[in-house]
Protein backbone atom coordinates (compact mmCIF):
# COMPACT_ATOMS: atom_id res chain seq x y z
CA ARG A 1 0.00 0.00 0.00
CA ASP A 2 0.92 3.66 -0.43
CA LEU A 3 1.85 5.96 2.40
CA THR A 4 0.35 9.41 1.75
CA SER A 5 0.15 12.51 3.91
CA ASN A 6 -2.45 15.13 2.83
CA ASN A 7 -4.49 18.04 4.15
CA SER A 8 -2.85 18.80 7.51
CA ALA A 9 0.56 20.07 8.45
CA LYS A 10 0.12 18.26 11.74
CA ASN A 11 0.33 14.84 10.07
CA ARG A 12 3.34 13.00 11.44
CA ALA A 13 4.93 9.58 11.05
CA GLU A 14 7.61 9.42 13.71
CA ALA A 15 9.50 7.25 16.14
CA LEU A 16 8.01 7.57 19.61
CA ASN A 17 10.85 8.18 22.04
CA THR A 18 9.08 9.31 25.20
CA THR A 19 10.51 6.25 26.94
CA PRO A 20 13.80 5.38 25.26
CA SER A 21 14.27 1.63 25.44
CA THR A 22 16.46 0.70 22.47
CA ARG A 23 13.45 -0.29 20.38
CA LEU A 24 13.95 -0.82 16.65
CA HIS A 25 10.60 -0.73 14.89
CA THR A 26 9.96 -1.48 11.22
CA LEU A 27 7.67 0.46 8.89
CA ARG A 28 7.00 -1.51 5.72
CA VAL A 29 5.70 0.29 2.64
CA SER A 30 4.80 -1.63 -0.51
CA GLY A 31 3.85 1.28 -2.77
CA ASN A 32 4.59 4.98 -3.09
CA ILE A 33 5.40 7.43 -0.31
CA THR A 34 3.85 10.86 -0.91
CA LEU A 35 4.41 13.69 1.55
CA ASN A 36 2.19 16.62 0.59
CA THR A 37 1.88 17.93 4.14
CA GLY A 38 3.27 17.08 7.57
CA LEU A 39 6.55 15.28 8.19
CA ILE A 40 8.23 11.92 8.51
CA ASP A 41 10.66 11.56 11.42
CA LEU A 42 11.84 8.01 12.02
CA TYR A 43 15.07 8.97 13.79
CA SER A 44 15.07 9.76 17.51
CA GLY A 45 18.69 10.69 17.99
CA ALA A 46 22.05 9.09 18.58
CA GLY A 47 21.46 8.10 22.18
CA ALA A 48 22.39 4.57 23.11
CA THR A 49 18.83 3.73 24.22
CA ASP A 50 16.86 5.81 21.69
CA ASN A 51 14.03 4.14 19.82
CA GLN A 52 14.32 4.05 16.04
CA VAL A 53 12.22 3.04 13.03
CA SER A 54 13.61 1.20 10.02
CA LEU A 55 11.81 1.97 6.74
CA GLU A 56 11.56 -1.19 4.67
CA LEU A 57 10.51 -0.88 1.02
CA ILE A 58 8.76 -4.09 -0.03
CA SER A 59 6.58 -5.74 -2.69
CA SER A 60 7.08 -6.61 -6.35
CA THR A 61 5.69 -3.32 -7.69
CA ASN A 62 7.67 -0.17 -8.41
CA GLY A 63 7.44 2.72 -5.99
CA SER A 64 8.69 6.27 -5.44
CA PHE A 65 9.00 9.01 -2.85
CA THR A 66 7.79 12.54 -3.60
CA ASN A 67 7.68 15.48 -1.22
CA ALA A 68 5.76 18.74 -1.57
CA SER A 69 5.66 19.53 2.15
CA GLY A 70 8.95 21.38 2.42
CA ASN A 71 10.00 19.09 5.28
CA THR A 72 12.86 16.71 4.60
CA PRO A 73 12.20 13.26 6.08
CA ASP A 74 14.58 12.30 8.86
CA LEU A 75 15.24 8.57 8.60
CA PHE A 76 17.19 6.07 10.62
CA ARG A 77 17.55 3.35 8.01
CA ILE A 78 16.22 2.36 4.57
CA VAL A 79 16.02 -1.34 3.79
CA MET A 80 15.60 -1.84 0.05
CA ASN A 81 13.72 -5.14 -0.31
CA LYS A 82 11.47 -4.95 -3.37
CA GLY A 83 10.86 -7.93 -5.62
CA ASN A 84 13.61 -10.41 -6.33
CA SER A 85 15.67 -8.57 -8.97
CA ILE A 86 16.63 -5.10 -10.16
CA ALA A 87 13.53 -5.12 -12.37
CA THR A 88 11.60 -3.78 -9.36
CA THR A 89 12.55 -0.22 -8.44
CA PHE A 90 12.02 2.46 -5.84
CA THR A 91 12.93 6.04 -6.80
CA LEU A 92 13.78 8.81 -4.37
CA THR A 93 12.72 11.89 -6.34
CA ASP A 94 13.12 14.17 -3.30
CA ASN A 95 15.65 14.47 -0.52
CA VAL A 96 15.75 12.37 2.66
CA THR A 97 18.43 12.14 5.32
CA LEU A 98 19.85 8.92 6.73
CA ASN A 99 21.11 9.06 10.32
CA GLY A 100 21.88 5.52 11.44
CA PRO A 101 25.46 4.64 12.39
CA PHE A 102 27.54 4.42 9.22
CA ASP A 103 30.28 2.47 11.00
CA ALA A 104 28.00 -0.29 12.25
CA ALA A 105 27.70 -3.74 10.70
CA THR A 106 24.17 -2.93 9.49
CA LYS A 107 24.27 0.22 7.39
CA PRO A 108 21.72 3.07 7.27
CA LEU A 109 21.17 2.03 3.64
CA THR A 110 20.77 -1.73 3.47
CA MET A 111 20.36 -3.45 0.12
CA GLN A 112 18.50 -6.76 -0.17
CA ASN A 113 16.40 -6.82 -3.36
CA GLY A 114 15.42 -4.44 -6.14
CA LEU A 115 16.94 -1.29 -7.61
CA LEU A 116 17.07 1.86 -5.47
CA ILE A 117 17.30 5.00 -7.60
CA MET A 118 18.64 8.24 -6.12
CA ASP A 119 17.10 11.03 -8.21
CA ASP A 120 17.37 14.30 -6.31
CA ALA A 121 20.41 16.59 -6.34
CA ALA A 122 20.19 17.16 -2.56
CA LEU A 123 20.48 13.46 -1.69
CA ASN A 124 23.75 12.71 0.09
CA PHE A 125 24.15 9.19 1.46
CA THR A 126 27.11 7.83 3.36
CA LEU A 127 27.25 4.16 2.47
CA THR A 128 29.85 3.18 5.06
CA SER A 129 32.40 4.80 7.32
CA GLY A 130 33.86 1.56 8.64
CA GLY A 131 32.74 -1.32 10.78
CA SER A 132 31.91 -3.36 7.68
CA ASP A 133 31.84 -2.96 3.93
CA PHE A 134 28.76 -1.81 2.03
CA TYR A 135 27.27 -4.88 0.36
CA ILE A 136 25.14 -4.96 -2.80
CA PRO A 137 23.62 -8.45 -3.20
CA GLY A 138 23.13 -10.14 -6.56
CA THR A 139 19.39 -9.32 -6.73
CA SER A 140 19.77 -5.64 -5.89
CA GLY A 141 21.30 -2.48 -7.28
CA LEU A 142 22.01 1.16 -6.52
CA GLU A 143 21.56 3.80 -9.22
CA VAL A 144 22.82 7.33 -8.62
CA ARG A 145 20.87 9.45 -11.08
CA GLN A 146 21.23 12.64 -9.03
CA GLY A 147 22.86 13.37 -5.69
CA THR A 148 25.86 11.74 -4.02
CA ALA A 149 26.62 8.38 -2.44
CA ALA A 150 30.01 7.93 -0.81
CA THR A 151 32.26 6.11 1.57
CA SER A 152 33.67 8.53 4.11
CA THR A 153 36.78 7.05 5.68
CA THR A 154 40.01 5.27 4.91
CA SER A 155 39.00 2.36 7.14
CA THR A 156 39.84 -1.09 5.83
CA ASN A 157 36.15 -1.94 6.27
CA ALA A 158 34.78 0.97 4.27
CA ASN A 159 34.62 -0.52 0.79
CA ILE A 160 31.94 -1.79 -1.57
CA VAL A 161 31.44 -5.52 -2.05
CA LEU A 162 29.56 -5.90 -5.31
CA ASP A 163 27.44 -8.87 -6.29
CA GLY A 164 24.71 -6.81 -7.93
CA LEU A 165 24.48 -3.54 -9.88
CA ILE A 166 26.14 -0.16 -9.54
CA ARG A 167 24.75 2.34 -12.03
CA VAL A 168 25.90 5.96 -12.22
CA SER A 169 23.60 7.90 -14.52
CA GLY A 170 24.14 11.53 -13.57
CA GLY A 171 25.05 11.73 -9.89
CA THR A 172 28.25 11.01 -7.97
CA LEU A 173 29.45 7.79 -6.40
CA SER A 174 32.68 8.31 -4.47
CA VAL A 175 34.48 5.28 -3.05
CA ASN A 176 37.16 7.62 -1.87
CA GLY A 177 37.85 8.89 1.63
CA GLY A 178 39.71 11.91 0.30
CA THR A 179 43.37 11.53 1.30
CA THR A 180 46.39 10.11 -0.50
CA THR A 181 46.51 7.06 1.78
CA ASP A 182 42.97 5.93 0.98
CA THR A 183 42.65 2.39 -0.32
CA ASN A 184 38.84 2.15 -0.60
CA TYR A 185 37.98 -0.37 -3.31
CA ILE A 186 35.15 -2.09 -5.12
CA GLU A 187 35.49 -5.84 -4.77
CA TYR A 188 33.33 -7.96 -7.04
CA THR A 189 32.27 -11.56 -6.56
CA ASN A 190 32.43 -14.63 -8.80
CA SER A 191 28.67 -15.15 -9.22
CA GLY A 192 28.53 -13.39 -12.60
CA ASN A 193 25.99 -10.83 -11.32
CA ALA A 194 28.40 -7.99 -10.52
CA THR A 195 27.79 -5.09 -12.92
CA ILE A 196 29.03 -1.50 -13.18
CA GLU A 197 27.31 0.84 -15.62
CA ILE A 198 28.25 4.50 -16.15
CA THR A 199 26.21 6.63 -18.54
CA SER A 200 26.69 10.07 -16.95
CA GLY A 201 27.95 11.52 -13.69
CA THR A 202 31.07 10.48 -11.77
CA LEU A 203 32.40 7.28 -10.23
CA THR A 204 35.68 7.69 -8.32
CA VAL A 205 37.50 4.82 -6.62
CA ALA A 206 40.43 5.58 -4.34
CA GLY A 207 41.90 2.11 -4.69
CA GLN A 208 41.07 -0.79 -6.97
CA VAL A 209 38.18 -2.40 -8.83
CA ARG A 210 39.15 -6.02 -8.42
CA ARG A 211 38.35 -9.63 -7.66
CA GLN A 212 38.13 -10.99 -4.15
CA LEU A 213 41.44 -11.95 -2.59
CA THR A 214 40.09 -15.41 -1.76
CA SER A 215 39.11 -16.31 -5.33
CA ASP A 216 40.72 -15.83 -8.74
CA THR A 217 37.40 -16.39 -10.53
CA GLY A 218 35.73 -13.02 -10.03
CA VAL A 219 33.47 -11.85 -12.85
CA LEU A 220 32.57 -8.23 -13.67
CA ARG A 221 30.40 -6.76 -16.42
CA PHE A 222 31.62 -3.20 -16.97
CA THR A 223 29.97 -0.72 -19.33
CA GLN A 224 30.71 2.99 -19.78
CA SER A 225 29.08 5.19 -22.39
CA GLY A 226 29.52 8.58 -20.71
CA GLY A 227 30.44 10.28 -17.47
CA ILE A 228 33.74 10.15 -15.60
CA PHE A 229 35.32 7.00 -14.17
CA THR A 230 38.53 7.23 -12.15
CA VAL A 231 40.25 4.32 -10.40
CA GLY A 232 43.44 4.19 -8.35
CA ASN A 233 42.80 7.82 -7.46
CA GLU A 234 44.66 7.71 -4.14
CA SER A 235 46.47 4.43 -3.48
CA ALA A 236 46.70 0.86 -4.78
CA THR A 237 48.32 -1.46 -2.28
CA THR A 238 47.06 -4.97 -3.11
CA THR A 239 49.72 -6.18 -5.55
CA SER A 240 48.07 -9.57 -6.18
CA ARG A 241 45.21 -7.81 -7.98
CA GLY A 242 45.10 -5.16 -10.67
CA VAL A 243 44.00 -1.59 -10.17
CA PHE A 244 41.26 -2.31 -12.71
CA GLU A 245 40.63 -5.84 -13.89
CA VAL A 246 37.96 -7.52 -16.00
CA LEU A 247 38.67 -11.16 -16.80
CA ASN A 248 37.37 -14.72 -16.50
CA SER A 249 34.45 -16.49 -18.18
CA GLY A 250 31.28 -14.41 -18.33
CA SER A 251 33.02 -11.05 -17.92
CA GLN A 252 32.32 -8.07 -20.18
CA PHE A 253 34.15 -4.84 -20.98
CA ASN A 254 32.17 -2.34 -23.04
CA HIS A 255 33.38 1.20 -23.60
CA SER A 256 31.80 3.69 -25.95
CA GLY A 257 32.44 7.08 -24.38
CA GLY A 258 33.06 9.13 -21.27
CA THR A 259 36.33 9.65 -19.43
CA PHE A 260 38.11 6.51 -18.22
CA THR A 261 41.26 7.05 -16.14
CA VAL A 262 43.59 4.71 -14.28
CA VAL A 263 45.71 7.00 -12.11
CA GLN A 264 48.48 4.64 -11.00
CA GLY A 265 49.72 1.07 -11.01
CA ILE A 266 50.64 -1.57 -8.43
CA ASN A 267 54.32 -2.04 -9.37
CA SER A 268 54.03 -5.80 -9.81
CA THR A 269 56.28 -7.57 -12.31
CA THR A 270 53.73 -10.38 -12.78
CA ILE A 271 50.26 -8.91 -12.15
CA PRO A 272 49.18 -6.21 -14.60
CA SER A 273 47.77 -3.01 -13.13
CA ILE A 274 45.19 -2.93 -15.94
CA TRP A 275 43.95 -6.41 -16.82
CA LEU A 276 41.38 -6.66 -19.62
CA GLU A 277 40.69 -10.22 -20.73
CA PRO A 278 36.88 -10.30 -20.85
CA THR A 279 34.80 -12.99 -22.50
CA THR A 280 33.11 -10.33 -24.62
CA SER A 281 34.07 -6.75 -25.37
CA THR A 282 32.68 -3.85 -27.39
CA VAL A 283 34.94 -0.82 -27.69
CA THR A 284 33.83 1.89 -30.13
CA ALA A 285 35.56 4.74 -31.93
CA ALA A 286 34.48 7.15 -29.16
CA SER A 287 36.49 5.28 -26.52
CA THR A 288 39.66 6.64 -24.92
CA ILE A 289 41.52 4.94 -22.07
CA ASN A 290 43.69 7.34 -20.03
CA ILE A 291 46.59 6.06 -17.95
CA GLY A 292 48.00 8.61 -15.53
CA SER A 293 46.62 11.96 -14.42
CA ALA A 294 47.45 15.06 -12.42
CA ALA A 295 47.02 12.85 -9.33
CA THR A 296 49.57 10.18 -10.32
CA PRO A 297 51.86 9.82 -7.29
CA SER A 298 55.63 9.77 -7.36
CA GLY A 299 57.40 6.47 -6.78
CA VAL A 300 57.17 2.91 -8.02
CA ASN A 301 53.39 2.85 -8.56
CA ALA A 302 53.87 5.40 -11.33
CA LEU A 303 57.00 3.85 -12.79
CA ASN A 304 55.49 0.43 -13.47
CA ILE A 305 51.90 0.38 -14.72
CA GLY A 306 51.39 -2.99 -16.38
CA LEU A 307 48.78 -3.36 -19.15
CA ARG A 308 47.46 -6.73 -20.30
CA ALA A 309 44.57 -6.64 -22.76
CA SER A 310 43.13 -9.26 -25.06
CA ALA A 311 40.32 -6.82 -25.85
CA THR A 312 40.94 -4.51 -28.79
CA LEU A 313 40.99 -0.96 -27.46
CA ASN A 314 40.52 2.31 -29.31
CA ASN A 315 42.49 5.38 -28.19
CA LEU A 316 45.11 5.02 -25.45
CA VAL A 317 46.61 8.08 -23.77
CA VAL A 318 49.56 7.99 -21.35
CA ASN A 319 49.46 11.34 -19.56
CA GLY A 320 50.40 11.80 -15.93
CA VAL A 321 52.64 13.75 -13.61
CA ASN A 322 55.66 12.06 -12.02
CA SER A 323 56.69 10.36 -15.29
CA PRO A 324 54.46 7.27 -15.40
CA VAL A 325 55.65 4.23 -17.36
CA VAL A 326 53.08 1.97 -19.02
CA ARG A 327 54.42 -1.48 -19.83
CA LEU A 328 52.73 -4.27 -21.81
CA TYR A 329 52.43 -7.59 -19.99
CA SER A 330 52.10 -11.03 -21.60
CA LEU A 331 49.86 -10.09 -24.56
CA PRO A 332 50.25 -7.92 -27.65
CA LEU A 333 48.06 -4.82 -27.78
CA THR A 334 45.76 -3.72 -30.61
CA LEU A 335 44.41 -0.17 -30.86
CA ASN A 336 41.71 0.64 -33.39
CA GLY A 337 42.45 4.29 -32.67
CA SER A 338 45.56 6.22 -31.65
CA LEU A 339 48.38 6.02 -29.13
CA THR A 340 49.40 9.25 -27.40
CA VAL A 341 52.39 9.41 -25.03
CA ASN A 342 52.71 12.83 -23.46
CA THR A 343 55.80 14.66 -22.25
CA SER A 344 57.87 12.82 -19.59
CA ASN A 345 55.64 9.73 -19.98
CA THR A 346 56.75 6.37 -21.35
CA PHE A 347 55.11 3.52 -23.23
CA ASP A 348 57.19 0.33 -23.08
CA ALA A 349 56.02 -2.39 -25.47
CA ASN A 350 58.19 -4.84 -23.53
CA GLY A 351 58.94 -6.88 -26.66
CA LEU A 352 55.22 -7.43 -27.38
CA ASN A 353 53.67 -6.46 -30.68
CA LEU A 354 51.69 -3.24 -30.91
CA THR A 355 49.08 -2.63 -33.61
CA ILE A 356 47.84 0.93 -34.23
CA ARG A 357 45.10 1.82 -36.67
CA GLY A 358 45.19 5.57 -36.00
CA ASN A 359 47.86 8.12 -35.11
CA MET A 360 50.95 7.67 -32.97
CA THR A 361 51.96 10.80 -31.06
CA VAL A 362 55.03 10.53 -28.84
CA ASP A 363 56.05 13.60 -26.86
CA GLY A 364 57.66 11.36 -24.25
CA SER A 365 59.26 7.96 -24.92
CA TYR A 366 58.34 4.83 -26.86
CA ILE A 367 60.40 1.72 -26.06
CA PRO A 368 59.83 -1.19 -28.48
CA ASN A 369 62.15 -3.67 -26.72
CA GLY A 370 62.37 -5.96 -29.77
CA ASN A 371 58.74 -5.94 -30.88
CA THR A 372 56.96 -5.22 -34.16
CA THR A 373 54.90 -2.06 -34.40
CA PHE A 374 52.11 -2.57 -36.92
CA PHE A 375 50.35 0.38 -38.56
CA THR A 376 47.13 -0.86 -40.16
CA ASN A 377 45.41 2.43 -40.97
CA THR A 378 42.83 2.44 -43.75
CA ALA A 379 42.45 6.24 -43.50
CA ALA A 380 45.11 8.93 -43.13
CA ALA A 381 47.27 8.59 -40.00
CA VAL A 382 50.34 10.39 -38.65
CA ILE A 383 53.43 9.55 -36.58
CA SER A 384 54.34 12.74 -34.74
CA GLY A 385 55.39 14.26 -31.43
CA ALA A 386 57.87 16.52 -29.71
CA THR A 387 60.47 13.76 -29.32
CA PRO A 388 63.17 14.67 -31.91
CA LEU A 389 63.89 11.02 -32.73
CA PHE A 390 62.39 7.79 -31.60
CA ASN A 391 63.14 4.19 -32.35
CA PHE A 392 61.26 1.21 -33.64
CA PHE A 393 62.44 -2.38 -33.82
CA ASN A 394 60.39 -3.99 -36.60
CA PHE A 395 58.09 -1.58 -38.43
CA SER A 396 55.14 -2.79 -40.53
CA LYS A 397 52.63 -0.80 -42.59
CA SER A 398 49.46 -2.30 -44.03
CA GLY A 399 45.99 -0.95 -44.74
CA ALA A 400 45.05 1.30 -47.66
CA GLY A 401 45.58 4.63 -45.88
CA THR A 402 48.56 6.97 -46.01
CA LEU A 403 50.84 6.96 -42.98
CA THR A 404 52.67 10.28 -42.69
CA VAL A 405 55.90 10.21 -40.68
CA SER A 406 56.39 13.67 -39.19
CA LYS A 407 59.43 12.85 -37.05
CA ASN A 408 62.87 11.42 -37.67
CA ILE A 409 62.70 7.73 -36.80
CA THR A 410 65.13 4.83 -36.68
CA ILE A 411 64.06 1.27 -37.46
CA ASN A 412 66.57 -1.00 -35.78
CA LYS A 413 65.55 -4.15 -37.61
CA ASP A 414 63.19 -4.68 -40.57
CA LEU A 415 60.76 -2.47 -42.47
CA THR A 416 57.70 -3.97 -44.20
CA VAL A 417 55.14 -2.06 -46.28
CA THR A 418 52.40 -4.21 -47.84
CA ALA A 419 49.63 -1.68 -48.55
CA GLY A 420 48.91 2.02 -48.54
CA THR A 421 51.61 4.69 -48.59
CA VAL A 422 54.32 5.78 -46.18
CA ALA A 423 55.00 9.52 -46.63
CA HIS A 424 57.87 11.25 -44.83
CA THR A 425 58.72 14.54 -46.52
CA GLY A 426 61.44 16.42 -44.66
CA PHE A 427 62.04 13.70 -42.09
CA ASP A 428 64.47 10.81 -42.23
CA ILE A 429 63.69 7.15 -41.80
CA THR A 430 66.90 5.37 -40.92
CA LEU A 431 66.79 1.61 -41.50
CA ILE A 432 69.27 -0.81 -39.94
CA GLY A 433 67.74 -4.07 -41.21
CA ASN A 434 66.00 -5.23 -44.39
CA ALA A 435 63.17 -3.61 -46.31
CA ALA A 436 60.23 -5.40 -47.96
CA LEU A 437 58.44 -2.61 -49.80
CA SER A 438 55.44 -3.77 -51.78
CA SER A 439 53.64 -0.43 -51.67
CA ASN A 440 54.63 3.18 -52.15
CA PHE A 441 57.13 5.02 -49.97
CA THR A 442 57.22 8.75 -50.71
CA SER A 443 59.40 11.73 -49.79
CA THR A 444 60.25 14.97 -51.61
CA SER A 445 62.90 16.48 -49.34
CA GLY A 446 65.46 15.50 -46.72
CA ASN A 447 67.47 12.30 -46.80
CA GLY A 448 64.47 10.05 -47.31
CA LEU A 449 64.80 6.35 -46.58
CA ILE A 450 68.36 5.77 -45.37
CA PHE A 451 69.87 2.29 -45.59
CA ALA A 452 72.38 2.49 -42.72
CA GLY A 453 73.00 -1.05 -41.53
CA SER A 454 76.28 -2.52 -40.38
CA THR A 455 75.74 -5.71 -42.43
CA GLN A 456 74.44 -6.11 -45.96
CA GLN A 457 70.79 -5.10 -46.25
CA GLN A 458 68.15 -6.49 -48.62
CA LEU A 459 65.48 -4.59 -50.52
CA THR A 460 62.59 -6.82 -51.64
CA ARG A 461 58.89 -7.02 -52.39
CA ASN A 462 56.45 -9.73 -51.34
CA ILE A 463 55.70 -10.53 -55.00
CA ALA A 464 57.14 -9.53 -58.37
CA GLY A 465 56.23 -6.00 -59.40
CA THR A 466 57.27 -2.37 -59.07
CA THR A 467 57.32 -0.14 -55.98
CA THR A 468 57.63 3.63 -56.14
CA LEU A 469 60.03 5.31 -53.71
CA GLY A 470 60.71 8.98 -52.97
CA ILE A 471 64.28 9.71 -51.84
CA VAL A 472 66.70 6.87 -51.08
CA THR A 473 70.09 7.19 -49.35
CA ILE A 474 72.64 4.37 -49.43
CA ASN A 475 74.89 4.62 -46.36
CA ASN A 476 76.09 1.08 -45.65
CA THR A 477 79.69 0.06 -46.30
CA ASN A 478 78.50 -3.57 -46.61
CA GLY A 479 76.01 -2.59 -49.28
CA VAL A 480 72.36 -3.04 -50.18
CA VAL A 481 71.17 -5.85 -52.45
CA ILE A 482 68.02 -6.60 -54.40
CA PRO A 483 67.88 -10.42 -54.56
CA ASP A 484 68.36 -11.57 -58.15
CA GLY A 485 65.74 -13.13 -60.39
CA ASN A 486 62.57 -12.30 -58.42
CA GLY A 487 61.17 -9.48 -60.52
CA PHE A 488 61.58 -6.92 -57.73
CA ASN A 489 61.65 -3.57 -59.53
CA PHE A 490 61.79 -0.07 -58.04
CA THR A 491 61.14 3.45 -59.26
CA ILE A 492 62.66 6.47 -57.51
CA ASN A 493 60.78 9.72 -57.99
CA ASN A 494 62.75 12.29 -56.03
CA GLY A 495 66.41 11.41 -55.64
CA LEU A 496 69.11 8.81 -55.04
CA ARG A 497 71.84 9.79 -52.60
CA MET A 498 75.01 7.68 -52.70
CA GLN A 499 76.84 8.27 -49.42
CA ARG A 500 78.80 5.02 -49.05
CA GLY A 501 78.29 1.43 -50.07
CA VAL A 502 77.35 -0.53 -53.18
CA TRP A 503 73.72 -0.89 -54.24
CA ASP A 504 73.58 -4.27 -56.00
CA ILE A 505 70.38 -4.26 -58.05
CA GLY A 506 71.17 -7.59 -59.76
CA SER A 507 68.86 -8.10 -62.72
CA SER A 508 66.13 -5.83 -61.38
CA LEU A 509 64.96 -2.64 -63.06
CA LEU A 510 65.79 0.56 -61.22
CA THR A 511 64.06 3.57 -62.76
CA LEU A 512 64.92 7.15 -61.84
CA ASN A 513 62.21 9.55 -62.90
CA SER A 514 62.85 13.05 -64.17
CA SER A 515 63.04 14.62 -60.69
CA ALA A 516 65.32 11.94 -59.29
CA LEU A 517 68.89 13.12 -59.58
CA ILE A 518 71.76 10.92 -58.41
CA THR A 519 73.75 12.80 -55.75
CA ALA A 520 77.31 11.89 -54.79
CA VAL A 521 77.26 12.62 -51.04
CA ASN A 522 80.79 11.16 -51.15
CA PRO A 523 82.68 10.69 -54.41
CA PHE A 524 81.50 7.81 -56.57
CA SER A 525 83.86 4.83 -56.45
CA VAL A 526 84.03 1.06 -56.40
CA THR A 527 82.72 1.30 -52.82
CA ASN A 528 80.06 3.89 -53.60
CA MET A 529 78.15 2.93 -56.74
CA ILE A 530 75.29 0.94 -58.32
CA GLN A 531 76.15 -2.63 -59.27
CA THR A 532 74.41 -4.77 -61.88
CA ASN A 533 74.87 -8.26 -63.23
CA SER A 534 76.32 -6.83 -66.48
CA SER A 535 74.11 -9.18 -68.50
CA PHE A 536 72.22 -8.38 -71.69
CA THR A 537 69.16 -9.91 -70.06
CA ASP A 538 69.27 -7.50 -67.11
CA PHE A 539 66.85 -4.60 -66.78
CA VAL A 540 69.55 -2.53 -64.99
CA VAL A 541 69.14 1.27 -64.59
CA ARG A 542 66.77 3.48 -66.55
CA ILE A 543 66.88 7.24 -66.15
CA ILE A 544 64.16 9.54 -67.44
CA PHE A 545 65.60 12.98 -68.07
CA PRO A 546 63.50 16.09 -67.67
CA THR A 547 62.57 18.14 -70.71
CA ASN A 548 65.40 20.44 -71.82
CA PHE A 549 67.89 18.69 -69.55
CA ASN A 550 71.18 20.58 -70.11
CA ALA A 551 73.70 19.29 -67.58
CA ALA A 552 77.21 19.47 -68.98
CA ILE A 553 78.10 16.00 -67.71
CA PHE A 554 75.83 13.33 -66.32
CA VAL A 555 77.36 10.35 -64.51
CA PHE A 556 75.81 6.90 -64.14
CA PRO A 557 77.77 5.60 -61.11
CA VAL A 558 77.71 1.95 -62.16
CA GLY A 559 80.12 -0.92 -62.13
CA GLN A 560 80.62 -4.52 -61.15
CA LEU A 561 84.04 -5.66 -59.94
CA ALA A 562 85.34 -2.23 -60.82
CA TYR A 563 83.82 1.21 -60.96
CA THR A 564 82.96 1.79 -64.63
CA PRO A 565 80.74 4.84 -64.81
CA VAL A 566 78.83 5.93 -67.87
CA THR A 567 79.08 9.64 -68.55
CA PHE A 568 77.74 11.94 -71.23
């Protein structure tokens, strides 16, 4: 039934405390509570023997509280016990105060069944201040649509144990006592019911969102489409669990918008700080994962933030004070969007492959540690940043889009281009290993693609055909070779710079277009020339002169066992 107060300001529902005797009464309401006049006062005070009334919300029908009286109800405790799932709701559309002891085992807000919705900006509930954790059972949920729900202490028993639903849809849920030593966490169970949904508003966790310490099989379904989610905001001290982890059978990680920030790590060499191995995952183009913030502390928890993700992410930003280091653990990482590493921050691939479909911006440091960095962009993408020069190990480009290199880079092993275009006008790409270039590689100024290995380097394609290059510099005393007899042909559009070393083109066709002059960075010689097979069946070198070409002498720096240039 409904509880309604009309017509008289003298209407009262209150705890009778004329003879305090430690009585705890229960008022059960199965429908709506409407306070048009009068008041509701179910709290008698904090005296040890005061009588109190617990308001229990029951039945399998939805209910709500509305208040037009101007008097805020003073409550001792709310017991949410409607239906047997979150399908049954009770909505607080006006303010009430809760006054029971927040540090007792039984909390002023006690969840049993159903979904309690906070939907008034003045609502301000303390969930726990110690004594025991705030528990959300598997058949219940708390939605903060407006107002604030919070833990209010750094006590070790002031956390949230989640077996049901947390939904933040406009209000604020703060599991954060407010100081840098806070470790308040959300611990989820292994039932498969634990769910966190954020559509708007703010969820801040001082410590970790993690599995129970007594079981490795915790399951969380996490979804964010808007709002602000921050975890590890103050301290993360449990090194056997991640700061944020979603894994195990039945788990979900869905991210399509909002701000998602992991402030710090746990400095474990085996347990990742961010562990994303869900059963299912949906991450859209609007998703950005931020690691580090203005609150990132100094010390080891900033210098070792492990990331392990089987889920394909979108944008990843490393941006914190105190020089955080993000390090891949165990699994390669795939980003459908961009990687951004801000000033004084580091991304360490740790020898694990990294795939990027968008931009790569490095103002701090990128450490490949022997991996392959794959660029798979189908639209235009850029490698850029304030770092004057950064290194890759293996570098691979696929996808139909153009990848523009706007920084000097060094590739310490092999370069592979299978599709699209690599453009790097004005910036050098220094290659130490081999190149397999099956798609275009353009540059119109600078030193272009520099072959600068300490052993002989190979230039190939994945199949017979012709690849167009921009500017090429040969700077390897052990030479560069195009393997003979495979039909690997190359056209240079903008210049060939012979610095040192022999370019052995075998029987392949090397074409220099009208803008591609051959420059002797050092004098041409038997150790600084183009070598062919000297066979009538070879394609050798073809040069297309510009119209009205009037150079007094043009030198083809060719030879085989000796330097035998062709001049005219």
